[in-house]
Amino acid sequence: MRGERAIHRLALVTVGATFLLIVLGALVTSNEAGDSVPDWPTAFGRWLPLDHIVGNVVYEYTHRVVAATVALMTLALNMALWRREERSWVRGLGLMALLAVLGQALLGGARVLFLEHRFALALTHAFMAQFFFGLTVSVAVVTSPRWRRWEARERTAHLPAYLPKLCGAAVLGLFVQLLLGAGFRHRGLGILPHILGAIVVSGAILGVVRAVRRAVRAPEAPSEVRALARQALWAAGLLVAQIALGIAAYFARRASRFDPQPLEPMISLTVAHVAGGAALLAIVLVLTWWTVGLSERARAAVAPRPMSERAF
């Protein structure tokens, strides 16, 4: 039990560090600091170029250091999972996260070295950042004590079968929307696709919130189902905040479009909007995991297997 809690804590710390990494990436993009360090994986030919860490280099170099730290944390999480986690599918999630963060590092390096493919690489890099973040959130959910207690119980279906599909559609829409936002920030796409995407995603999330709140009104609903109501309210609140931040960031960008370099408040509003998008993705992904679990309730699919049956 102590080892299981340690794994969950490490997963939560990895989620927090990854969220910080996304914020730092947004600072790099918003300050147009992506080209401030001309080489990779070293910086100005060294691992610690103290005399060069000024101006925009601070953002880019800090982003690299935190990215390396997150990669090491993901490696440590995988080692812990393979030593103590009996569920092969959870170990598979951890392995996917490790491969994703390594791929993300290579994409970041390619973004620096191959400037002729800057937009395509930057867009892929932005998508992979959110994909990796989603994987870390998933590992944190399924290693939590609450999830483990749920797995140990006798289970019956409590949620309608359509709800996990609705949540999954909202998650997919959020990924597309985050990609469209990255395209706009990197000046490869206009604002119209991002606005249309926001309308579609908002409808999907509000549909999830309404369906969850309807499901938890049932008097026989267990505590796990009732807990989804709070998560749904968080999703609704984050959605409203995200729309407001997006509008504010757009008009701040319009007002400063003739400035020689990015200035406040455009930088802060854009970074907050990116952070809000990641937070909204996380909460809807948590909702998706729990709606899948509470509607499917397939004991054979989630019950841990004996150590003698583990596949290596």
C-alpha atoms as a PDB file:
ATOM      1  CA  MET A   1       0.000   0.000   0.000  1.00  0.00           C
ATOM      2  CA  ARG A   2       2.824   2.421   0.829  1.00  0.00           C
ATOM      3  CA  GLY A   3       4.437   1.742  -2.556  1.00  0.00           C
ATOM      4  CA  GLU A   4       1.143   2.350  -4.343  1.00  0.00           C
ATOM      5  CA  ARG A   5       0.706   5.718  -2.649  1.00  0.00           C
ATOM      6  CA  ALA A   6       4.291   6.662  -3.510  1.00  0.00           C
ATOM      7  CA  ILE A   7       3.630   5.887  -7.181  1.00  0.00           C
ATOM      8  CA  HIS A   8       0.498   8.043  -7.124  1.00  0.00           C
ATOM      9  CA  ARG A   9       2.362  10.936  -5.497  1.00  0.00           C
ATOM     10  CA  LEU A  10       5.122  10.690  -8.097  1.00  0.00           C
ATOM     11  CA  ALA A  11       2.496  10.696 -10.850  1.00  0.00           C
ATOM     12  CA  LEU A  12       0.891  13.822  -9.359  1.00  0.00           C
ATOM     13  CA  VAL A  13       4.255  15.602  -9.144  1.00  0.00           C
ATOM     14  CA  THR A  14       4.911  14.648 -12.782  1.00  0.00           C
ATOM     15  CA  VAL A  15       1.531  16.114 -13.755  1.00  0.00           C
ATOM     16  CA  GLY A  16       2.406  19.361 -11.961  1.00  0.00           C
ATOM     17  CA  ALA A  17       5.853  19.542 -13.555  1.00  0.00           C
ATOM     18  CA  THR A  18       4.362  18.891 -16.997  1.00  0.00           C
ATOM     19  CA  PHE A  19       1.810  21.656 -16.489  1.00  0.00           C
ATOM     20  CA  LEU A  20       4.671  23.997 -15.572  1.00  0.00           C
ATOM     21  CA  LEU A  21       6.487  22.887 -18.717  1.00  0.00           C
ATOM     22  CA  ILE A  22       3.435  23.774 -20.851  1.00  0.00           C
ATOM     23  CA  VAL A  23       3.325  27.234 -19.233  1.00  0.00           C
ATOM     24  CA  LEU A  24       7.043  27.727 -19.927  1.00  0.00           C
ATOM     25  CA  GLY A  25       6.513  26.636 -23.520  1.00  0.00           C
ATOM     26  CA  ALA A  26       3.777  29.257 -23.847  1.00  0.00           C
ATOM     27  CA  LEU A  27       6.178  31.866 -22.452  1.00  0.00           C
ATOM     28  CA  VAL A  28       8.754  30.869 -25.073  1.00  0.00           C
ATOM     29  CA  THR A  29       6.211  31.218 -27.891  1.00  0.00           C
ATOM     30  CA  SER A  30       4.581  34.408 -26.578  1.00  0.00           C
ATOM     31  CA  ASN A  31       7.959  36.117 -26.158  1.00  0.00           C
ATOM     32  CA  GLU A  32       9.073  34.821 -29.583  1.00  0.00           C
ATOM     33  CA  ALA A  33      12.068  33.242 -27.855  1.00  0.00           C
ATOM     34  CA  GLY A  34      12.063  29.964 -29.783  1.00  0.00           C
ATOM     35  CA  ASP A  35      15.079  30.948 -31.889  1.00  0.00           C
ATOM     36  CA  SER A  36      17.097  32.543 -29.100  1.00  0.00           C
ATOM     37  CA  VAL A  37      19.284  29.431 -28.654  1.00  0.00           C
ATOM     38  CA  PRO A  38      20.747  28.380 -32.029  1.00  0.00           C
ATOM     39  CA  ASP A  39      21.808  24.795 -31.235  1.00  0.00           C
ATOM     40  CA  TRP A  40      20.487  21.615 -29.590  1.00  0.00           C
ATOM     41  CA  PRO A  41      20.881  19.651 -27.328  1.00  0.00           C
ATOM     42  CA  THR A  42      23.585  21.987 -26.036  1.00  0.00           C
ATOM     43  CA  ALA A  43      23.095  25.743 -25.779  1.00  0.00           C
ATOM     44  CA  PHE A  44      25.757  27.856 -27.450  1.00  0.00           C
ATOM     45  CA  GLY A  45      27.939  24.756 -27.493  1.00  0.00           C
ATOM     46  CA  ARG A  46      27.725  24.158 -23.742  1.00  0.00           C
ATOM     47  CA  TRP A  47      25.379  22.501 -21.258  1.00  0.00           C
ATOM     48  CA  LEU A  48      25.474  25.481 -18.886  1.00  0.00           C
ATOM     49  CA  PRO A  49      26.096  28.713 -20.855  1.00  0.00           C
ATOM     50  CA  LEU A  50      25.973  31.085 -17.901  1.00  0.00           C
ATOM     51  CA  ASP A  51      27.236  34.091 -19.856  1.00  0.00           C
ATOM     52  CA  HIS A  52      24.436  33.704 -22.450  1.00  0.00           C
ATOM     53  CA  ILE A  53      21.427  33.298 -20.126  1.00  0.00           C
ATOM     54  CA  VAL A  54      19.969  36.776 -20.596  1.00  0.00           C
ATOM     55  CA  GLY A  55      16.885  38.159 -22.322  1.00  0.00           C
ATOM     56  CA  ASN A  56      14.840  35.612 -24.271  1.00  0.00           C
ATOM     57  CA  VAL A  57      17.475  32.930 -23.691  1.00  0.00           C
ATOM     58  CA  VAL A  58      16.185  32.718 -20.102  1.00  0.00           C
ATOM     59  CA  TYR A  59      12.804  31.437 -21.328  1.00  0.00           C
ATOM     60  CA  GLU A  60      14.201  28.965 -23.856  1.00  0.00           C
ATOM     61  CA  TYR A  61      16.946  27.581 -21.622  1.00  0.00           C
ATOM     62  CA  THR A  62      14.625  27.259 -18.601  1.00  0.00           C
ATOM     63  CA  HIS A  63      12.161  25.401 -20.815  1.00  0.00           C
ATOM     64  CA  ARG A  64      14.897  22.933 -21.794  1.00  0.00           C
ATOM     65  CA  VAL A  65      16.011  22.355 -18.211  1.00  0.00           C
ATOM     66  CA  VAL A  66      12.462  21.710 -16.986  1.00  0.00           C
ATOM     67  CA  ALA A  67      11.815  19.447 -19.992  1.00  0.00           C
ATOM     68  CA  ALA A  68      14.849  17.340 -19.092  1.00  0.00           C
ATOM     69  CA  THR A  69      13.647  17.182 -15.485  1.00  0.00           C
ATOM     70  CA  VAL A  70      10.182  16.032 -16.573  1.00  0.00           C
ATOM     71  CA  ALA A  71      11.757  13.342 -18.769  1.00  0.00           C
ATOM     72  CA  LEU A  72      13.761  12.025 -15.794  1.00  0.00           C
ATOM     73  CA  MET A  73      10.655  12.079 -13.611  1.00  0.00           C
ATOM     74  CA  THR A  74       8.740  10.104 -16.243  1.00  0.00           C
ATOM     75  CA  LEU A  75      11.565   7.566 -16.371  1.00  0.00           C
ATOM     76  CA  ALA A  76      11.463   7.228 -12.569  1.00  0.00           C
ATOM     77  CA  LEU A  77       7.680   6.820 -12.700  1.00  0.00           C
ATOM     78  CA  ASN A  78       8.046   4.023 -15.249  1.00  0.00           C
ATOM     79  CA  MET A  79      10.648   2.250 -13.144  1.00  0.00           C
ATOM     80  CA  ALA A  80       8.300   2.390 -10.152  1.00  0.00           C
ATOM     81  CA  LEU A  81       5.367   1.141 -12.225  1.00  0.00           C
ATOM     82  CA  TRP A  82       7.305  -1.818 -13.611  1.00  0.00           C
ATOM     83  CA  ARG A  83       8.525  -2.765 -10.152  1.00  0.00           C
ATOM     84  CA  ARG A  84       5.271  -2.458  -8.187  1.00  0.00           C
ATOM     85  CA  GLU A  85       2.286  -2.089 -10.534  1.00  0.00           C
ATOM     86  CA  GLU A  86       0.425  -5.338 -11.221  1.00  0.00           C
ATOM     87  CA  ARG A  87      -1.906  -3.963 -13.912  1.00  0.00           C
ATOM     88  CA  SER A  88      -0.239  -4.330 -17.300  1.00  0.00           C
ATOM     89  CA  TRP A  89      -2.438  -1.671 -18.913  1.00  0.00           C
ATOM     90  CA  VAL A  90      -1.314   0.907 -16.339  1.00  0.00           C
ATOM     91  CA  ARG A  91       2.316   0.038 -17.034  1.00  0.00           C
ATOM     92  CA  GLY A  92       1.477   0.479 -20.704  1.00  0.00           C
ATOM     93  CA  LEU A  93       0.170   3.998 -20.030  1.00  0.00           C
ATOM     94  CA  GLY A  94       3.416   4.839 -18.265  1.00  0.00           C
ATOM     95  CA  LEU A  95       5.467   3.481 -21.155  1.00  0.00           C
ATOM     96  CA  MET A  96       3.430   5.542 -23.632  1.00  0.00           C
ATOM     97  CA  ALA A  97       4.148   8.634 -21.539  1.00  0.00           C
ATOM     98  CA  LEU A  98       7.877   7.886 -21.567  1.00  0.00           C
ATOM     99  CA  LEU A  99       7.922   7.413 -25.345  1.00  0.00           C
ATOM    100  CA  ALA A 100       5.875  10.597 -25.762  1.00  0.00           C
ATOM    101  CA  VAL A 101       8.244  12.738 -23.701  1.00  0.00           C
ATOM    102  CA  LEU A 102      11.262  11.370 -25.584  1.00  0.00           C
ATOM    103  CA  GLY A 103       9.540  12.082 -28.889  1.00  0.00           C
ATOM    104  CA  GLN A 104       8.675  15.546 -27.628  1.00  0.00           C
ATOM    105  CA  ALA A 105      12.338  16.227 -26.855  1.00  0.00           C
ATOM    106  CA  LEU A 106      13.338  15.181 -30.380  1.00  0.00           C
ATOM    107  CA  LEU A 107      10.626  17.395 -31.868  1.00  0.00           C
ATOM    108  CA  GLY A 108      11.890  20.333 -29.824  1.00  0.00           C
ATOM    109  CA  GLY A 109      15.397  19.742 -31.105  1.00  0.00           C
ATOM    110  CA  ALA A 110      14.181  19.433 -34.689  1.00  0.00           C
ATOM    111  CA  ARG A 111      12.282  22.713 -34.264  1.00  0.00           C
ATOM    112  CA  VAL A 112      15.619  24.406 -33.480  1.00  0.00           C
ATOM    113  CA  LEU A 113      17.725  22.666 -36.156  1.00  0.00           C
ATOM    114  CA  PHE A 114      15.347  22.562 -39.135  1.00  0.00           C
ATOM    115  CA  LEU A 115      13.992  26.074 -39.492  1.00  0.00           C
ATOM    116  CA  GLU A 116      12.573  25.386 -42.963  1.00  0.00           C
ATOM    117  CA  HIS A 117       9.931  23.166 -41.338  1.00  0.00           C
ATOM    118  CA  ARG A 118       9.317  25.525 -38.428  1.00  0.00           C
ATOM    119  CA  PHE A 119       5.515  25.680 -38.532  1.00  0.00           C
ATOM    120  CA  ALA A 120       4.870  21.950 -38.985  1.00  0.00           C
ATOM    121  CA  LEU A 121       7.355  21.039 -36.251  1.00  0.00           C
ATOM    122  CA  ALA A 122       6.053  23.705 -33.872  1.00  0.00           C
ATOM    123  CA  LEU A 123       2.471  22.497 -34.379  1.00  0.00           C
ATOM    124  CA  THR A 124       3.439  18.863 -33.783  1.00  0.00           C
ATOM    125  CA  HIS A 125       5.478  19.882 -30.743  1.00  0.00           C
ATOM    126  CA  ALA A 126       2.485  21.728 -29.290  1.00  0.00           C
ATOM    127  CA  PHE A 127       0.176  18.757 -29.865  1.00  0.00           C
ATOM    128  CA  MET A 128       2.606  16.268 -28.344  1.00  0.00           C
ATOM    129  CA  ALA A 129       2.944  18.468 -25.258  1.00  0.00           C
ATOM    130  CA  GLN A 130      -0.786  18.193 -24.578  1.00  0.00           C
ATOM    131  CA  PHE A 131      -0.840  14.491 -25.477  1.00  0.00           C
ATOM    132  CA  PHE A 132       1.948  13.761 -23.009  1.00  0.00           C
ATOM    133  CA  PHE A 133       0.197  15.859 -20.385  1.00  0.00           C
ATOM    134  CA  GLY A 134      -2.955  13.815 -20.916  1.00  0.00           C
ATOM    135  CA  LEU A 135      -1.023  10.594 -20.399  1.00  0.00           C
ATOM    136  CA  THR A 136       0.459  11.812 -17.110  1.00  0.00           C
ATOM    137  CA  VAL A 137      -3.003  12.844 -15.914  1.00  0.00           C
ATOM    138  CA  SER A 138      -4.313   9.386 -16.868  1.00  0.00           C
ATOM    139  CA  VAL A 139      -1.581   7.631 -14.888  1.00  0.00           C
ATOM    140  CA  ALA A 140      -2.334   9.839 -11.874  1.00  0.00           C
ATOM    141  CA  VAL A 141      -6.045   8.956 -12.051  1.00  0.00           C
ATOM    142  CA  VAL A 142      -5.652   5.182 -12.288  1.00  0.00           C
ATOM    143  CA  THR A 143      -2.975   4.995  -9.579  1.00  0.00           C
ATOM    144  CA  SER A 144      -5.036   7.001  -7.082  1.00  0.00           C
ATOM    145  CA  PRO A 145      -6.310   5.328  -3.882  1.00  0.00           C
ATOM    146  CA  ARG A 146      -9.862   6.237  -4.875  1.00  0.00           C
ATOM    147  CA  TRP A 147      -9.557   4.365  -8.191  1.00  0.00           C
ATOM    148  CA  ARG A 148      -7.981   1.363  -6.475  1.00  0.00           C
ATOM    149  CA  ARG A 149     -10.820   1.237  -3.926  1.00  0.00           C
ATOM    150  CA  TRP A 150     -13.306   1.311  -6.771  1.00  0.00           C
ATOM    151  CA  GLU A 151     -11.549  -1.592  -8.504  1.00  0.00           C
ATOM    152  CA  ALA A 152     -11.699  -3.705  -5.343  1.00  0.00           C
ATOM    153  CA  ARG A 153     -15.477  -3.398  -5.004  1.00  0.00           C
ATOM    154  CA  GLU A 154     -18.249  -5.455  -6.535  1.00  0.00           C
ATOM    155  CA  ARG A 155     -19.405  -3.251  -9.373  1.00  0.00           C
ATOM    156  CA  THR A 156     -22.561  -2.656 -11.367  1.00  0.00           C
ATOM    157  CA  ALA A 157     -23.295  -0.057 -14.037  1.00  0.00           C
ATOM    158  CA  HIS A 158     -24.387   3.355 -12.697  1.00  0.00           C
ATOM    159  CA  LEU A 159     -24.004   5.737 -15.655  1.00  0.00           C
ATOM    160  CA  PRO A 160     -25.658   5.703 -19.091  1.00  0.00           C
ATOM    161  CA  ALA A 161     -23.561   4.121 -21.841  1.00  0.00           C
ATOM    162  CA  TYR A 162     -23.528   7.270 -23.981  1.00  0.00           C
ATOM    163  CA  LEU A 163     -21.781   9.401 -21.336  1.00  0.00           C
ATOM    164  CA  PRO A 164     -18.225   8.018 -21.832  1.00  0.00           C
ATOM    165  CA  LYS A 165     -18.604   8.555 -25.581  1.00  0.00           C
ATOM    166  CA  LEU A 166     -19.704  12.147 -24.991  1.00  0.00           C
ATOM    167  CA  CYS A 167     -16.738  12.724 -22.677  1.00  0.00           C
ATOM    168  CA  GLY A 168     -14.366  11.123 -25.180  1.00  0.00           C
ATOM    169  CA  ALA A 169     -15.710  13.378 -27.943  1.00  0.00           C
ATOM    170  CA  ALA A 170     -15.110  16.403 -25.714  1.00  0.00           C
ATOM    171  CA  VAL A 171     -11.506  15.305 -25.070  1.00  0.00           C
ATOM    172  CA  LEU A 172     -10.907  14.775 -28.788  1.00  0.00           C
ATOM    173  CA  GLY A 173     -12.434  18.167 -29.543  1.00  0.00           C
ATOM    174  CA  LEU A 174     -10.183  19.788 -26.955  1.00  0.00           C
ATOM    175  CA  PHE A 175      -7.091  18.262 -28.573  1.00  0.00           C
ATOM    176  CA  VAL A 176      -8.158  19.641 -31.962  1.00  0.00           C
ATOM    177  CA  GLN A 177      -8.961  23.016 -30.428  1.00  0.00           C
ATOM    178  CA  LEU A 178      -5.571  23.205 -28.706  1.00  0.00           C
ATOM    179  CA  LEU A 179      -3.936  22.377 -32.036  1.00  0.00           C
ATOM    180  CA  LEU A 180      -5.882  25.149 -33.790  1.00  0.00           C
ATOM    181  CA  GLY A 181      -4.851  27.573 -31.045  1.00  0.00           C
ATOM    182  CA  ALA A 182      -1.202  26.616 -31.509  1.00  0.00           C
ATOM    183  CA  GLY A 183      -1.571  27.182 -35.242  1.00  0.00           C
ATOM    184  CA  PHE A 184      -2.865  30.690 -34.587  1.00  0.00           C
ATOM    185  CA  ARG A 185      -0.120  31.495 -32.064  1.00  0.00           C
ATOM    186  CA  HIS A 186       2.555  30.319 -34.497  1.00  0.00           C
ATOM    187  CA  ARG A 187       0.965  32.455 -37.239  1.00  0.00           C
ATOM    188  CA  GLY A 188       0.190  29.580 -39.574  1.00  0.00           C
ATOM    189  CA  LEU A 189      -3.594  29.690 -39.177  1.00  0.00           C
ATOM    190  CA  GLY A 190      -6.171  32.447 -38.845  1.00  0.00           C
ATOM    191  CA  ILE A 191      -8.411  32.988 -35.849  1.00  0.00           C
ATOM    192  CA  LEU A 192     -11.635  31.749 -37.510  1.00  0.00           C
ATOM    193  CA  PRO A 193     -10.902  27.976 -37.195  1.00  0.00           C
ATOM    194  CA  HIS A 194     -10.071  28.502 -33.513  1.00  0.00           C
ATOM    195  CA  ILE A 195     -13.343  30.394 -32.928  1.00  0.00           C
ATOM    196  CA  LEU A 196     -15.413  27.712 -34.675  1.00  0.00           C
ATOM    197  CA  GLY A 197     -13.586  25.043 -32.699  1.00  0.00           C
ATOM    198  CA  ALA A 198     -14.342  26.890 -29.456  1.00  0.00           C
ATOM    199  CA  ILE A 199     -18.061  26.860 -30.263  1.00  0.00           C
ATOM    200  CA  VAL A 200     -18.069  23.118 -30.968  1.00  0.00           C
ATOM    201  CA  VAL A 201     -15.979  22.222 -27.921  1.00  0.00           C
ATOM    202  CA  SER A 202     -18.041  24.444 -25.629  1.00  0.00           C
ATOM    203  CA  GLY A 203     -21.190  22.643 -26.752  1.00  0.00           C
ATOM    204  CA  ALA A 204     -19.599  19.249 -26.102  1.00  0.00           C
ATOM    205  CA  ILE A 205     -18.359  20.206 -22.621  1.00  0.00           C
ATOM    206  CA  LEU A 206     -21.684  21.734 -21.624  1.00  0.00           C
ATOM    207  CA  GLY A 207     -23.373  18.549 -22.836  1.00  0.00           C
ATOM    208  CA  VAL A 208     -21.050  16.533 -20.598  1.00  0.00           C
ATOM    209  CA  VAL A 209     -21.794  18.779 -17.614  1.00  0.00           C
ATOM    210  CA  ARG A 210     -25.537  18.490 -18.133  1.00  0.00           C
ATOM    211  CA  ALA A 211     -25.430  14.705 -18.560  1.00  0.00           C
ATOM    212  CA  VAL A 212     -23.261  14.213 -15.473  1.00  0.00           C
ATOM    213  CA  ARG A 213     -25.457  16.393 -13.298  1.00  0.00           C
ATOM    214  CA  ARG A 214     -28.523  14.493 -14.479  1.00  0.00           C
ATOM    215  CA  ALA A 215     -26.873  11.164 -13.638  1.00  0.00           C
ATOM    216  CA  VAL A 216     -25.870  12.137 -10.111  1.00  0.00           C
ATOM    217  CA  ARG A 217     -29.447  13.054  -9.180  1.00  0.00           C
ATOM    218  CA  ALA A 218     -30.351   9.360  -9.027  1.00  0.00           C
ATOM    219  CA  PRO A 219     -30.924   8.444  -5.350  1.00  0.00           C
ATOM    220  CA  GLU A 220     -29.089   5.126  -5.739  1.00  0.00           C
ATOM    221  CA  ALA A 221     -25.970   6.756  -7.191  1.00  0.00           C
ATOM    222  CA  PRO A 222     -22.803   5.725  -5.261  1.00  0.00           C
ATOM    223  CA  SER A 223     -20.278   8.201  -3.888  1.00  0.00           C
ATOM    224  CA  GLU A 224     -18.013   7.845  -6.947  1.00  0.00           C
ATOM    225  CA  VAL A 225     -20.852   9.022  -9.198  1.00  0.00           C
ATOM    226  CA  ARG A 226     -21.810  11.912  -6.889  1.00  0.00           C
ATOM    227  CA  ALA A 227     -18.184  13.076  -6.872  1.00  0.00           C
ATOM    228  CA  LEU A 228     -18.414  13.618 -10.641  1.00  0.00           C
ATOM    229  CA  ALA A 229     -20.770  16.558 -10.048  1.00  0.00           C
ATOM    230  CA  ARG A 230     -17.946  18.630  -8.534  1.00  0.00           C
ATOM    231  CA  GLN A 231     -15.648  17.784 -11.429  1.00  0.00           C
ATOM    232  CA  ALA A 232     -18.371  18.767 -13.905  1.00  0.00           C
ATOM    233  CA  LEU A 233     -18.780  22.133 -12.168  1.00  0.00           C
ATOM    234  CA  TRP A 234     -15.012  22.665 -12.359  1.00  0.00           C
ATOM    235  CA  ALA A 235     -15.152  21.920 -16.082  1.00  0.00           C
ATOM    236  CA  ALA A 236     -17.963  24.444 -16.577  1.00  0.00           C
ATOM    237  CA  GLY A 237     -16.126  27.117 -14.584  1.00  0.00           C
ATOM    238  CA  LEU A 238     -12.865  26.542 -16.445  1.00  0.00           C
ATOM    239  CA  LEU A 239     -14.709  26.721 -19.761  1.00  0.00           C
ATOM    240  CA  VAL A 240     -16.157  30.142 -18.924  1.00  0.00           C
ATOM    241  CA  ALA A 241     -12.757  31.407 -17.741  1.00  0.00           C
ATOM    242  CA  GLN A 242     -11.073  30.012 -20.846  1.00  0.00           C
ATOM    243  CA  ILE A 243     -13.493  31.760 -23.205  1.00  0.00           C
ATOM    244  CA  ALA A 244     -12.974  35.055 -21.370  1.00  0.00           C
ATOM    245  CA  LEU A 245      -9.174  34.654 -21.482  1.00  0.00           C
ATOM    246  CA  GLY A 246      -9.272  33.800 -25.174  1.00  0.00           C
ATOM    247  CA  ILE A 247     -11.267  36.919 -26.037  1.00  0.00           C
ATOM    248  CA  ALA A 248      -9.011  39.113 -23.904  1.00  0.00           C
ATOM    249  CA  ALA A 249      -5.836  37.575 -25.379  1.00  0.00           C
ATOM    250  CA  TYR A 250      -7.082  38.091 -28.939  1.00  0.00           C
ATOM    251  CA  PHE A 251      -7.887  41.776 -28.447  1.00  0.00           C
ATOM    252  CA  ALA A 252      -4.584  42.318 -26.598  1.00  0.00           C
ATOM    253  CA  ARG A 253      -2.782  40.749 -29.560  1.00  0.00           C
ATOM    254  CA  ARG A 254      -4.720  42.966 -31.977  1.00  0.00           C
ATOM    255  CA  ALA A 255      -3.883  46.067 -29.954  1.00  0.00           C
ATOM    256  CA  SER A 256      -0.147  45.259 -29.944  1.00  0.00           C
ATOM    257  CA  ARG A 257       0.212  43.946 -33.506  1.00  0.00           C
ATOM    258  CA  PHE A 258       2.402  46.898 -34.545  1.00  0.00           C
ATOM    259  CA  ASP A 259       4.710  46.690 -31.527  1.00  0.00           C
ATOM    260  CA  PRO A 260       8.336  45.778 -32.380  1.00  0.00           C
ATOM    261  CA  GLN A 261       8.258  42.945 -29.822  1.00  0.00           C
ATOM    262  CA  PRO A 262       5.602  41.192 -27.707  1.00  0.00           C
ATOM    263  CA  LEU A 263       4.543  43.256 -24.713  1.00  0.00           C
ATOM    264  CA  GLU A 264       2.282  42.969 -21.689  1.00  0.00           C
ATOM    265  CA  PRO A 265      -0.630  42.316 -21.269  1.00  0.00           C
ATOM    266  CA  MET A 266      -0.658  40.207 -24.432  1.00  0.00           C
ATOM    267  CA  ILE A 267       2.016  37.843 -23.105  1.00  0.00           C
ATOM    268  CA  SER A 268       0.336  37.216 -19.752  1.00  0.00           C
ATOM    269  CA  LEU A 269      -3.127  36.755 -21.261  1.00  0.00           C
ATOM    270  CA  THR A 270      -1.848  34.347 -23.921  1.00  0.00           C
ATOM    271  CA  VAL A 271       0.095  32.270 -21.406  1.00  0.00           C
ATOM    272  CA  ALA A 272      -2.932  32.167 -19.087  1.00  0.00           C
ATOM    273  CA  HIS A 273      -5.103  31.052 -22.014  1.00  0.00           C
ATOM    274  CA  VAL A 274      -2.700  28.202 -22.838  1.00  0.00           C
ATOM    275  CA  ALA A 275      -2.573  27.171 -19.186  1.00  0.00           C
ATOM    276  CA  GLY A 276      -6.360  27.273 -18.993  1.00  0.00           C
ATOM    277  CA  GLY A 277      -6.629  25.027 -22.034  1.00  0.00           C
ATOM    278  CA  ALA A 278      -4.343  22.448 -20.426  1.00  0.00           C
ATOM    279  CA  ALA A 279      -6.286  22.601 -17.145  1.00  0.00           C
ATOM    280  CA  LEU A 280      -9.593  22.161 -18.976  1.00  0.00           C
ATOM    281  CA  LEU A 281      -8.183  19.174 -20.868  1.00  0.00           C
ATOM    282  CA  ALA A 282      -7.074  17.622 -17.576  1.00  0.00           C
ATOM    283  CA  ILE A 283     -10.436  17.952 -15.821  1.00  0.00           C
ATOM    284  CA  VAL A 284     -12.415  16.639 -18.806  1.00  0.00           C
ATOM    285  CA  LEU A 285      -9.967  13.745 -19.138  1.00  0.00           C
ATOM    286  CA  VAL A 286     -10.469  12.884 -15.452  1.00  0.00           C
ATOM    287  CA  LEU A 287     -14.233  12.954 -16.048  1.00  0.00           C
ATOM    288  CA  THR A 288     -13.769  10.657 -19.041  1.00  0.00           C
ATOM    289  CA  TRP A 289     -11.820   8.079 -17.063  1.00  0.00           C
ATOM    290  CA  TRP A 290     -14.421   7.969 -14.314  1.00  0.00           C
ATOM    291  CA  THR A 291     -17.414   7.852 -16.643  1.00  0.00           C
ATOM    292  CA  VAL A 292     -15.807   4.975 -18.541  1.00  0.00           C
ATOM    293  CA  GLY A 293     -15.141   3.120 -15.311  1.00  0.00           C
ATOM    294  CA  LEU A 294     -18.536   3.779 -13.773  1.00  0.00           C
ATOM    295  CA  SER A 295     -20.489   2.816 -16.889  1.00  0.00           C
ATOM    296  CA  GLU A 296     -18.518  -0.132 -18.230  1.00  0.00           C
ATOM    297  CA  ARG A 297     -17.738  -1.781 -14.890  1.00  0.00           C
ATOM    298  CA  ALA A 298     -15.928  -4.679 -16.565  1.00  0.00           C
ATOM    299  CA  ARG A 299     -14.202  -6.396 -13.636  1.00  0.00           C
ATOM    300  CA  ALA A 300     -12.083  -8.672 -15.816  1.00  0.00           C
ATOM    301  CA  ALA A 301     -10.695  -5.701 -17.705  1.00  0.00           C
ATOM    302  CA  VAL A 302      -9.537  -3.740 -14.677  1.00  0.00           C
ATOM    303  CA  ALA A 303      -8.932  -6.221 -11.880  1.00  0.00           C
ATOM    304  CA  PRO A 304      -5.222  -6.665 -11.085  1.00  0.00           C
ATOM    305  CA  ARG A 305      -3.713 -10.001 -11.993  1.00  0.00           C
ATOM    306  CA  PRO A 306      -1.553 -12.124  -9.684  1.00  0.00           C
ATOM    307  CA  MET A 307       2.166 -11.520  -9.926  1.00  0.00           C
ATOM    308  CA  SER A 308       2.641 -14.998 -11.398  1.00  0.00           C
ATOM    309  CA  GLU A 309       0.501 -14.030 -14.384  1.00  0.00           C
ATOM    310  CA  ARG A 310       2.162 -10.711 -15.122  1.00  0.00           C
ATOM    311  CA  ALA A 311       3.405 -10.334 -18.663  1.00  0.00           C
ATOM    312  CA  PHE A 312       6.879  -8.903 -19.134  1.00  0.00           C
END
